[in-house]
């Protein structure tokens, strides 16, 4: 069981691509609350990535932040190496 946990943590550090569909975003702010080191809200209150964190910065909460979005405006996918 300990090995499974370690594998999951290593998977979370894989390079990822985060896409925010700004046409869907309603500015609920759930992403910024769940993963504040990656997401913020712009001047209009809509979701935005913190500069330099476009790849998730290794934050294990990025996928949870995408799941927390009430309108599914955030997609997280693995990038090709």
N, C-alpha and C. Protein backbone atom coordinates (compact mmCIF):
# COMPACT_ATOMS: atom_id res chain seq x y z
N UNK A 1 0.82 -1.19 0.00
CA UNK A 1 0.00 0.00 0.00
C UNK A 1 0.87 1.26 0.00
N UNK A 2 1.95 1.25 0.72
CA UNK A 2 2.85 2.40 0.75
C UNK A 2 3.40 2.70 -0.64
N UNK A 3 3.70 1.69 -1.42
CA UNK A 3 4.22 1.90 -2.77
C UNK A 3 3.18 2.57 -3.67
N UNK A 4 1.90 2.21 -3.51
CA UNK A 4 0.85 2.83 -4.31
C UNK A 4 0.78 4.32 -4.03
N UNK A 5 0.91 4.72 -2.78
CA UNK A 5 0.89 6.13 -2.41
C UNK A 5 2.07 6.85 -3.06
N UNK A 6 3.23 6.25 -3.02
CA UNK A 6 4.42 6.86 -3.61
C UNK A 6 4.23 7.03 -5.11
N UNK A 7 3.66 6.03 -5.79
CA UNK A 7 3.44 6.12 -7.23
C UNK A 7 2.46 7.24 -7.56
N UNK A 8 1.43 7.40 -6.77
CA UNK A 8 0.46 8.46 -6.99
C UNK A 8 1.13 9.83 -6.86
N UNK A 9 1.94 10.00 -5.85
CA UNK A 9 2.61 11.28 -5.67
C UNK A 9 3.55 11.58 -6.83
N UNK A 10 4.25 10.57 -7.34
CA UNK A 10 5.13 10.79 -8.47
C UNK A 10 4.32 11.15 -9.70
N UNK A 11 3.16 10.53 -9.90
CA UNK A 11 2.31 10.85 -11.04
C UNK A 11 1.85 12.30 -10.98
N UNK A 12 1.58 12.82 -9.78
CA UNK A 12 1.14 14.20 -9.63
C UNK A 12 2.19 15.19 -10.11
N UNK A 13 3.45 14.77 -10.15
CA UNK A 13 4.54 15.66 -10.55
C UNK A 13 4.84 15.57 -12.04
N UNK A 14 4.09 14.74 -12.77
CA UNK A 14 4.29 14.65 -14.20
C UNK A 14 3.93 15.98 -14.84
N UNK A 15 4.60 16.33 -15.96
CA UNK A 15 4.27 17.58 -16.63
C UNK A 15 2.81 17.57 -17.08
N UNK A 16 2.12 18.66 -16.80
CA UNK A 16 0.71 18.73 -17.15
C UNK A 16 0.43 20.02 -17.92
N UNK A 17 -0.70 20.03 -18.58
CA UNK A 17 -1.18 21.20 -19.29
C UNK A 17 -2.52 21.57 -18.66
N UNK A 18 -2.67 22.82 -18.28
CA UNK A 18 -3.91 23.30 -17.66
C UNK A 18 -4.58 24.25 -18.63
N UNK A 19 -5.84 23.97 -18.92
CA UNK A 19 -6.60 24.83 -19.82
C UNK A 19 -7.83 25.35 -19.08
N UNK A 20 -8.04 26.64 -19.16
CA UNK A 20 -9.22 27.27 -18.56
C UNK A 20 -10.09 27.78 -19.69
N UNK A 21 -11.31 27.28 -19.77
CA UNK A 21 -12.26 27.75 -20.78
C UNK A 21 -12.92 29.00 -20.22
N UNK A 22 -12.45 30.14 -20.68
CA UNK A 22 -12.92 31.42 -20.14
C UNK A 22 -14.37 31.72 -20.54
N UNK A 23 -14.86 31.02 -21.56
CA UNK A 23 -16.27 31.18 -21.94
C UNK A 23 -17.19 30.48 -20.94
N UNK A 24 -16.67 29.42 -20.28
CA UNK A 24 -17.46 28.69 -19.29
C UNK A 24 -17.30 29.24 -17.86
N UNK A 25 -16.14 29.77 -17.56
CA UNK A 25 -15.83 30.21 -16.20
C UNK A 25 -16.86 31.22 -15.71
N UNK A 26 -17.34 31.00 -14.49
CA UNK A 26 -18.31 31.92 -13.88
C UNK A 26 -17.71 32.68 -12.69
N UNK A 27 -16.44 32.45 -12.42
CA UNK A 27 -15.77 33.19 -11.35
C UNK A 27 -16.11 32.71 -9.95
N UNK A 28 -16.43 31.43 -9.81
CA UNK A 28 -16.77 30.89 -8.48
C UNK A 28 -15.56 30.91 -7.54
N UNK A 29 -14.36 30.81 -8.07
CA UNK A 29 -13.15 30.89 -7.26
C UNK A 29 -12.75 29.62 -6.55
N UNK A 30 -13.44 28.52 -6.83
CA UNK A 30 -13.10 27.25 -6.17
C UNK A 30 -11.67 26.82 -6.49
N UNK A 31 -11.24 27.02 -7.72
CA UNK A 31 -9.88 26.62 -8.11
C UNK A 31 -8.84 27.38 -7.28
N UNK A 32 -9.04 28.67 -7.12
CA UNK A 32 -8.09 29.48 -6.36
C UNK A 32 -8.09 29.12 -4.87
N UNK A 33 -9.21 28.64 -4.37
CA UNK A 33 -9.25 28.22 -2.97
C UNK A 33 -8.57 26.86 -2.78
N UNK A 34 -8.72 25.97 -3.75
CA UNK A 34 -8.17 24.62 -3.63
C UNK A 34 -6.67 24.59 -3.94
N UNK A 35 -6.24 25.32 -4.96
CA UNK A 35 -4.82 25.33 -5.36
C UNK A 35 -4.35 26.77 -5.55
N UNK A 36 -4.21 27.52 -4.45
CA UNK A 36 -3.85 28.94 -4.55
C UNK A 36 -2.45 29.21 -5.07
N UNK A 37 -1.60 28.20 -5.13
CA UNK A 37 -0.26 28.41 -5.67
C UNK A 37 -0.26 28.34 -7.20
N UNK A 38 -1.39 27.94 -7.79
CA UNK A 38 -1.49 27.79 -9.25
C UNK A 38 -2.55 28.72 -9.84
N UNK A 39 -3.71 28.82 -9.18
CA UNK A 39 -4.82 29.60 -9.72
C UNK A 39 -5.04 30.88 -8.93
N UNK A 40 -5.52 31.88 -9.64
CA UNK A 40 -5.92 33.14 -9.03
C UNK A 40 -7.15 33.62 -9.79
N UNK A 41 -7.63 34.79 -9.46
CA UNK A 41 -8.73 35.38 -10.20
C UNK A 41 -8.27 36.71 -10.77
N UNK A 42 -8.66 36.96 -12.03
CA UNK A 42 -8.25 38.20 -12.67
C UNK A 42 -9.06 39.38 -12.13
N UNK A 43 -8.84 40.54 -12.68
CA UNK A 43 -9.52 41.76 -12.19
C UNK A 43 -11.03 41.68 -12.30
N UNK A 44 -11.53 40.83 -13.21
CA UNK A 44 -12.97 40.67 -13.37
C UNK A 44 -13.52 39.52 -12.53
N UNK A 45 -12.65 38.83 -11.79
CA UNK A 45 -13.08 37.75 -10.91
C UNK A 45 -13.05 36.36 -11.54
N UNK A 46 -12.55 36.26 -12.77
CA UNK A 46 -12.52 34.97 -13.44
C UNK A 46 -11.20 34.26 -13.22
N UNK A 47 -11.23 32.94 -13.36
CA UNK A 47 -10.06 32.10 -13.11
C UNK A 47 -8.91 32.45 -14.04
N UNK A 48 -7.72 32.40 -13.48
CA UNK A 48 -6.50 32.70 -14.22
C UNK A 48 -5.36 31.89 -13.60
N UNK A 49 -4.37 31.57 -14.42
CA UNK A 49 -3.19 30.88 -13.90
C UNK A 49 -2.17 31.90 -13.42
N UNK A 50 -1.52 31.61 -12.33
CA UNK A 50 -0.46 32.48 -11.83
C UNK A 50 0.72 32.35 -12.80
N UNK A 51 1.28 33.47 -13.25
CA UNK A 51 2.41 33.41 -14.17
C UNK A 51 3.54 32.53 -13.63
N UNK A 52 4.03 31.67 -14.51
CA UNK A 52 5.09 30.74 -14.13
C UNK A 52 4.55 29.42 -13.59
N UNK A 53 3.24 29.32 -13.40
CA UNK A 53 2.62 28.10 -12.87
C UNK A 53 1.73 27.41 -13.91
N UNK A 54 1.94 27.73 -15.17
CA UNK A 54 1.11 27.18 -16.23
C UNK A 54 1.18 25.65 -16.31
N UNK A 55 2.25 25.07 -15.75
CA UNK A 55 2.40 23.61 -15.75
C UNK A 55 1.97 23.00 -14.42
N UNK A 56 1.36 23.78 -13.57
CA UNK A 56 0.90 23.30 -12.28
C UNK A 56 1.92 23.39 -11.18
N UNK A 57 3.16 23.64 -11.51
CA UNK A 57 4.21 23.81 -10.50
C UNK A 57 4.37 22.64 -9.55
N UNK A 58 3.94 21.45 -9.98
CA UNK A 58 4.06 20.27 -9.12
C UNK A 58 3.04 20.24 -7.98
N UNK A 59 2.08 21.15 -7.98
CA UNK A 59 1.08 21.19 -6.91
C UNK A 59 0.13 19.99 -7.05
N UNK A 60 0.07 19.13 -6.06
CA UNK A 60 -0.78 17.95 -6.14
C UNK A 60 -2.28 18.26 -6.11
N UNK A 61 -2.65 19.50 -5.83
CA UNK A 61 -4.06 19.88 -5.73
C UNK A 61 -4.65 20.39 -7.05
N UNK A 62 -3.84 20.45 -8.11
CA UNK A 62 -4.33 20.99 -9.38
C UNK A 62 -5.51 20.20 -9.91
N UNK A 63 -5.41 18.88 -9.91
CA UNK A 63 -6.51 18.05 -10.41
C UNK A 63 -7.76 18.21 -9.54
N UNK A 64 -7.56 18.33 -8.24
CA UNK A 64 -8.70 18.55 -7.34
C UNK A 64 -9.34 19.91 -7.61
N UNK A 65 -8.53 20.91 -7.92
CA UNK A 65 -9.07 22.23 -8.25
C UNK A 65 -9.93 22.16 -9.51
N UNK A 66 -9.49 21.38 -10.49
CA UNK A 66 -10.28 21.22 -11.72
C UNK A 66 -11.61 20.52 -11.41
N UNK A 67 -11.56 19.51 -10.54
CA UNK A 67 -12.80 18.81 -10.16
C UNK A 67 -13.73 19.71 -9.36
N UNK A 68 -13.18 20.67 -8.63
CA UNK A 68 -13.99 21.55 -7.79
C UNK A 68 -14.73 22.62 -8.60
N UNK A 69 -14.32 22.83 -9.84
CA UNK A 69 -14.97 23.86 -10.66
C UNK A 69 -16.42 23.48 -10.91
N UNK A 70 -17.37 24.32 -10.52
CA UNK A 70 -18.78 23.98 -10.66
C UNK A 70 -19.28 23.91 -12.09
N UNK A 71 -18.53 24.48 -13.04
CA UNK A 71 -18.95 24.45 -14.44
C UNK A 71 -17.97 23.70 -15.34
N UNK A 72 -17.02 23.00 -14.72
CA UNK A 72 -16.02 22.20 -15.46
C UNK A 72 -15.27 23.02 -16.50
N UNK A 73 -14.86 24.22 -16.12
CA UNK A 73 -14.13 25.10 -17.03
C UNK A 73 -12.64 24.80 -17.09
N UNK A 74 -12.15 23.94 -16.20
CA UNK A 74 -10.71 23.65 -16.14
C UNK A 74 -10.46 22.22 -16.57
N UNK A 75 -9.51 22.07 -17.51
CA UNK A 75 -9.10 20.74 -17.95
C UNK A 75 -7.62 20.58 -17.64
N UNK A 76 -7.27 19.44 -17.09
CA UNK A 76 -5.89 19.12 -16.78
C UNK A 76 -5.53 17.87 -17.56
N UNK A 77 -4.47 17.95 -18.35
CA UNK A 77 -4.02 16.78 -19.12
C UNK A 77 -2.51 16.67 -19.03
N UNK A 78 -2.03 15.45 -19.20
CA UNK A 78 -0.59 15.23 -19.19
C UNK A 78 0.00 15.72 -20.50
N UNK A 79 1.15 16.35 -20.42
CA UNK A 79 1.83 16.81 -21.63
C UNK A 79 2.74 15.70 -22.12
N UNK A 80 3.00 15.68 -23.38
CA UNK A 80 3.95 14.71 -23.93
C UNK A 80 5.35 15.10 -23.56
N UNK A 81 6.18 14.13 -23.19
CA UNK A 81 7.55 14.43 -22.80
C UNK A 81 8.46 14.41 -23.98
